[in-house]
Protein backbone atom coordinates (compact mmCIF):
# COMPACT_ATOMS: atom_id res chain seq x y z
CA MET A 1 36.20 41.39 62.55
CA ARG A 2 36.31 45.06 63.42
CA LEU A 3 33.97 44.42 66.33
CA PHE A 4 36.21 41.61 67.45
CA ARG A 5 39.27 43.82 67.42
CA MET A 6 37.55 46.53 69.32
CA THR A 7 36.23 44.05 71.92
CA VAL A 8 39.64 42.50 72.35
CA ALA A 9 41.27 45.93 72.66
CA ALA A 10 38.76 46.97 75.22
CA ALA A 11 39.18 43.83 77.24
CA ALA A 12 42.93 44.19 77.11
CA MET A 13 42.73 47.71 78.38
CA LEU A 14 40.51 46.60 81.21
CA ALA A 15 42.82 43.73 82.01
CA ALA A 16 45.83 46.07 82.02
CA SER A 17 44.09 48.45 84.35
CA GLY A 18 43.22 45.55 86.64
CA CYS A 19 39.46 45.91 86.14
CA ILE A 20 39.06 42.33 84.98
CA SER A 21 40.96 39.10 85.51
CA THR A 22 42.76 37.02 82.99
CA SER A 23 40.05 34.35 83.09
CA ASP A 24 37.39 36.94 82.52
CA PHE A 25 39.33 38.19 79.49
CA GLU A 26 39.54 34.70 78.04
CA ALA A 27 35.82 34.21 78.53
CA VAL A 28 35.11 37.42 76.65
CA GLN A 29 37.36 36.17 73.87
CA ARG A 30 35.46 32.88 73.70
CA GLN A 31 32.15 34.69 73.55
CA VAL A 32 33.38 36.88 70.74
CA VAL A 33 34.57 33.83 68.77
CA GLU A 34 31.18 32.14 69.26
CA LEU A 35 29.41 35.29 68.08
CA GLN A 36 31.63 35.39 64.98
CA GLU A 37 30.80 31.74 64.21
CA GLU A 38 27.14 32.40 64.72
CA LEU A 39 27.37 35.40 62.39
CA ALA A 40 29.17 33.29 59.78
CA ASN A 41 26.43 30.55 60.05
CA VAL A 42 23.75 33.18 59.63
CA LYS A 43 25.48 34.53 56.49
CA ARG A 44 25.88 31.00 55.06
CA THR A 45 22.23 30.22 55.72
CA SER A 46 21.11 33.45 54.11
CA ALA A 47 23.21 32.74 51.07
CA GLY A 48 21.83 29.19 50.83
CA LYS A 49 18.25 30.51 50.92
CA GLU A 50 19.01 32.90 48.13
CA GLU A 51 20.69 30.14 46.07
CA VAL A 52 17.74 27.77 46.62
CA GLN A 53 15.36 30.58 45.65
CA GLY A 54 17.42 31.17 42.54
CA VAL A 55 17.36 27.54 41.67
CA ASN A 56 13.62 27.39 42.19
CA THR A 57 13.15 30.40 39.93
CA ARG A 58 15.19 28.73 37.21
CA ILE A 59 13.26 25.49 37.56
CA ALA A 60 9.95 27.39 37.25
CA GLU A 61 11.16 29.16 34.13
CA GLN A 62 12.32 25.96 32.53
CA THR A 63 9.13 24.21 33.45
CA GLU A 64 7.09 26.92 31.87
CA THR A 65 9.27 26.74 28.73
CA LEU A 66 8.80 22.96 28.59
CA LEU A 67 5.07 23.28 28.94
CA LYS A 68 4.96 25.81 26.12
CA SER A 69 7.10 23.59 23.97
CA ASN A 70 4.89 20.59 24.77
CA ALA A 71 1.76 22.46 23.85
CA THR A 72 3.39 23.50 20.53
CA LEU A 73 4.39 19.94 19.80
CA VAL A 74 0.97 18.66 20.57
CA ALA A 75 -0.55 21.21 18.16
CA LYS A 76 1.93 20.23 15.46
CA VAL A 77 1.20 16.49 15.95
CA ASP A 78 -2.53 17.17 15.64
CA GLU A 79 -1.92 19.16 12.46
CA ILE A 80 0.20 16.39 10.96
CA GLU A 81 -2.38 13.78 11.88
CA LYS A 82 -5.04 15.80 10.15
CA GLU A 83 -2.87 16.18 7.08
CA ILE A 84 -2.15 12.41 7.06
CA GLN A 85 -5.84 11.61 7.33
CA ALA A 86 -6.68 14.05 4.52
CA ALA A 87 -3.97 12.48 2.33
CA GLN A 88 -5.26 8.99 3.07
CA ASN A 89 -8.82 10.09 2.18
CA THR A 90 -7.64 11.62 -1.06
CA THR A 91 -5.61 8.50 -1.87
CA GLU A 92 -8.61 6.23 -1.24
CA GLN A 93 -10.77 8.41 -3.41
CA SER A 94 -8.22 8.37 -6.20
CA THR A 95 -7.70 4.68 -5.91
CA TYR A 96 -11.44 4.08 -6.08
CA ARG A 97 -11.82 6.37 -9.10
CA VAL A 98 -8.94 4.53 -10.81
CA GLU A 99 -10.66 1.19 -10.11
CA GLN A 100 -13.89 2.59 -11.62
CA LEU A 101 -12.09 3.80 -14.71
CA SER A 102 -10.20 0.54 -15.15
CA GLN A 103 -13.34 -1.54 -14.87
CA GLN A 104 -15.22 0.77 -17.25
CA LEU A 105 -12.36 0.58 -19.72
CA ALA A 106 -12.36 -3.18 -19.67
CA GLN A 107 -16.09 -3.22 -20.18
CA ALA A 108 -15.85 -0.70 -22.99
CA GLN A 109 -13.21 -2.82 -24.73
CA ARG A 110 -15.34 -5.89 -24.55
CA ASP A 111 -18.35 -3.98 -25.78
CA LEU A 112 -16.27 -2.61 -28.65
CA GLN A 113 -15.35 -6.17 -29.62
CA ASP A 114 -18.97 -7.25 -29.43
CA LEU A 115 -20.01 -4.30 -31.58
CA ARG A 116 -17.41 -5.20 -34.15
CA THR A 117 -18.65 -8.77 -34.26
CA GLN A 118 -22.22 -7.55 -34.69
CA VAL A 119 -21.22 -5.15 -37.47
CA THR A 120 -19.30 -7.81 -39.28
CA ALA A 121 -22.27 -10.17 -39.11
CA LEU A 122 -24.55 -7.46 -40.49
CA GLN A 123 -22.22 -6.63 -43.31
CA THR A 124 -21.89 -10.25 -44.46
CA PRO A 125 -24.57 -11.00 -47.07
CA PRO A 126 -26.50 -14.31 -46.77
CA ALA A 127 -25.00 -17.13 -48.82
CA THR A 128 -28.36 -17.92 -50.44
CA ALA A 129 -29.20 -14.39 -51.32
CA THR A 130 -30.71 -14.05 -54.88
CA THR A 131 -31.29 -10.91 -56.93
CA ALA A 132 -34.95 -10.05 -56.97
CA PRO A 133 -36.39 -9.01 -60.34
CA THR A 134 -37.05 -5.40 -60.73
CA PRO A 135 -40.76 -4.53 -61.13
CA ALA A 136 -41.86 -3.11 -64.40
CA GLY A 137 -42.24 0.34 -62.85
CA GLY A 138 -38.50 0.33 -62.00
CA THR A 139 -39.08 0.52 -58.22
CA LEU A 140 -37.85 -2.14 -55.90
CA THR A 141 -39.82 -2.47 -52.66
CA VAL A 142 -37.55 -3.35 -49.70
CA PRO A 143 -39.16 -5.31 -46.85
CA ALA A 144 -39.56 -3.32 -43.62
CA SER A 145 -37.56 -5.89 -41.63
CA ALA A 146 -34.56 -5.51 -43.95
CA ALA A 147 -34.76 -1.71 -43.87
CA SER A 148 -34.63 -1.62 -40.08
CA SER A 149 -32.13 -4.43 -39.50
CA ALA A 150 -29.49 -1.98 -38.31
CA ASP A 151 -31.79 0.03 -35.95
CA PRO A 152 -31.19 -2.11 -32.79
CA MET A 153 -27.44 -1.54 -32.98
CA GLN A 154 -28.07 2.16 -33.57
CA THR A 155 -30.21 2.20 -30.40
CA TYR A 156 -27.48 0.44 -28.41
CA GLN A 157 -24.78 2.72 -29.73
CA ALA A 158 -26.81 5.86 -29.01
CA ALA A 159 -27.45 4.69 -25.47
CA TYR A 160 -23.82 3.92 -24.91
CA ARG A 161 -22.83 7.40 -26.12
CA ASP A 162 -25.31 8.90 -23.70
CA TYR A 163 -23.73 6.91 -20.92
CA GLN A 164 -20.26 8.11 -21.82
CA ARG A 165 -21.44 11.71 -21.89
CA GLY A 166 -23.06 11.40 -18.44
CA ASN A 167 -26.63 11.50 -19.75
CA PHE A 168 -27.58 8.56 -17.60
CA ASP A 169 -31.38 8.84 -17.79
CA LEU A 170 -31.21 8.78 -21.54
CA ALA A 171 -28.72 5.92 -21.45
CA ILE A 172 -31.06 3.91 -19.17
CA GLU A 173 -33.99 4.58 -21.50
CA GLY A 174 -32.05 3.53 -24.58
CA PHE A 175 -30.64 0.34 -23.09
CA ARG A 176 -33.94 -0.66 -21.72
CA ASP A 177 -35.53 -0.09 -25.13
CA PHE A 178 -32.85 -2.28 -26.71
CA VAL A 179 -33.40 -5.11 -24.20
CA ASP A 180 -37.20 -4.93 -24.55
CA THR A 181 -37.10 -5.09 -28.41
CA ASN A 182 -34.09 -7.41 -28.65
CA PRO A 183 -34.28 -9.80 -25.68
CA LYS A 184 -32.33 -12.55 -27.57
CA SER A 185 -29.60 -10.32 -28.90
CA ASP A 186 -26.02 -11.11 -28.00
CA MET A 187 -25.82 -7.55 -26.73
CA ALA A 188 -28.84 -7.81 -24.43
CA ASP A 189 -26.64 -8.78 -21.45
CA ASN A 190 -24.36 -5.80 -22.12
CA ALA A 191 -27.37 -3.47 -22.24
CA ALA A 192 -28.67 -4.79 -19.03
CA TYR A 193 -25.27 -4.32 -17.37
CA TRP A 194 -24.97 -0.71 -18.53
CA ILE A 195 -28.38 0.01 -17.07
CA GLY A 196 -26.82 -0.96 -13.78
CA GLU A 197 -23.76 1.06 -14.36
CA SER A 198 -25.87 4.15 -15.13
CA LEU A 199 -27.83 3.69 -11.90
CA PHE A 200 -24.57 3.24 -10.02
CA SER A 201 -23.20 6.44 -11.46
CA GLN A 202 -26.36 8.20 -10.34
CA LYS A 203 -25.67 6.86 -6.80
CA LYS A 204 -28.94 4.95 -6.92
CA TYR A 205 -27.16 2.05 -5.27
CA ARG A 206 -30.20 0.04 -4.28
CA ASP A 207 -31.64 0.17 -7.79
CA ALA A 208 -28.19 -0.67 -9.19
CA ILE A 209 -28.00 -3.79 -7.00
CA GLU A 210 -31.36 -4.98 -8.29
CA GLN A 211 -30.23 -4.40 -11.88
CA PHE A 212 -26.91 -6.25 -11.38
CA ASP A 213 -28.85 -9.14 -9.92
CA ILE A 214 -30.86 -9.23 -13.18
CA VAL A 215 -27.62 -9.53 -15.14
CA VAL A 216 -26.33 -12.36 -12.94
CA THR A 217 -29.57 -14.37 -12.87
CA LYS A 218 -30.73 -13.76 -16.40
CA TYR A 219 -27.38 -13.93 -18.15
CA PRO A 220 -25.31 -16.35 -15.88
CA LYS A 221 -22.79 -17.10 -18.70
CA SER A 222 -22.25 -13.55 -19.76
CA ASP A 223 -18.84 -11.89 -19.48
CA LYS A 224 -20.60 -9.12 -17.67
CA VAL A 225 -21.29 -11.19 -14.56
CA PRO A 226 -17.96 -10.48 -12.81
CA GLY A 227 -18.44 -6.78 -13.36
CA ALA A 228 -22.05 -6.96 -12.04
CA LEU A 229 -20.91 -8.81 -8.92
CA LEU A 230 -18.12 -6.31 -8.40
CA LYS A 231 -20.41 -3.36 -8.65
CA LYS A 232 -22.87 -5.07 -6.34
CA GLY A 233 -20.09 -5.13 -3.77
CA TYR A 234 -19.32 -1.45 -4.28
CA SER A 235 -22.97 -0.56 -4.00
CA TYR A 236 -23.36 -2.36 -0.71
CA ILE A 237 -20.28 -0.63 0.70
CA ALA A 238 -21.58 2.76 -0.53
CA LEU A 239 -24.82 2.07 1.31
CA GLY A 240 -22.92 1.36 4.51
CA GLU A 241 -23.60 -2.36 4.38
CA ARG A 242 -19.96 -3.20 4.72
CA ALA A 243 -20.25 -6.91 5.61
CA GLN A 244 -22.48 -7.63 2.56
CA GLY A 245 -20.15 -5.68 0.29
CA ILE A 246 -17.13 -7.67 1.54
CA VAL A 247 -19.00 -10.96 0.83
CA GLN A 248 -19.73 -9.86 -2.71
CA LEU A 249 -16.13 -8.85 -3.35
CA GLN A 250 -14.86 -12.12 -1.87
CA TYR A 251 -17.24 -14.00 -4.16
CA VAL A 252 -15.79 -12.23 -7.16
CA VAL A 253 -12.28 -13.29 -6.11
CA HIS A 254 -13.32 -16.81 -5.48
CA GLU A 255 -15.55 -17.43 -8.54
CA HIS A 256 -13.65 -15.32 -11.14
CA PRO A 257 -10.02 -15.34 -9.81
CA LYS A 258 -8.35 -14.56 -13.12
CA SER A 259 -10.59 -11.69 -14.15
CA GLN A 260 -9.72 -8.01 -13.99
CA GLU A 261 -12.70 -7.62 -11.70
CA ALA A 262 -11.03 -9.99 -9.18
CA THR A 263 -7.98 -7.79 -9.18
CA LEU A 264 -10.09 -4.74 -8.45
CA ALA A 265 -11.97 -6.67 -5.71
CA ARG A 266 -8.69 -7.67 -4.07
CA GLN A 267 -7.49 -4.06 -4.11
CA ARG A 268 -10.74 -2.88 -2.48
CA LEU A 269 -10.71 -5.64 0.15
CA LYS A 270 -7.11 -4.65 0.98
CA GLN A 271 -8.24 -1.10 1.52
CA LEU A 272 -10.93 -2.42 3.87
CA GLY A 273 -8.32 -4.30 5.84
CA VAL A 274 -9.59 -7.72 4.68
CA ASP A 275 -7.10 -10.48 3.88
CA THR A 276 -7.64 -11.94 0.43
CA GLN A 277 -5.20 -14.85 0.74
């Protein structure tokens, strides 16, 4: 503006002195105006560049912030997924342990009832029993079979206590001794079953499967058959033979639908993602 005024003043002085014509003066004015417009355009262009640069800077800063936030969120999501997986694993382990305890409790209750029946039978004297005369010397000789009539049950009970205490090798030895010496006992199927349970607890899954097969084939009418089939399924799954394990669990559900073992089998199948309907 100052330059414009100085230029106009100079032109006016020259015009007044007769050095330039009026048309020349007007031409100078037009050139000055054009220069002012060009100067204004240059200023606007310069301001626009600075503004664009500022916008670009802000965009870069916001992008960097978003990238950092995204990285943080990804890390948090990964951490949450790990926590969820750990919780699921813990839940599965707890559920499996509860299943084991429930099944063992049911078996223990049945065994207790069997033991009570056996004890009652042993305590009931024969209806035809007669009093033997006492020898002259005053000593009554008791037959060896009568003196040892309670020994099989003591063997069974001792083996069962060993199982409960986690002494599985002793339990297996005691149950096998009971089965060998009392193959026709009403408790023979129970003893055979608890041999399998002891092997299962030792994680000898292949041996456990063979023992549970003995229970199923040798004692097909035993109330231990559902439990033996269930534990066969568990054993196969523990060995990584998932398909065979699922077949065994489905067989329990199909053949013994009202048993507690069927309920446990359904729960395990559900965990494996298998529909039991």
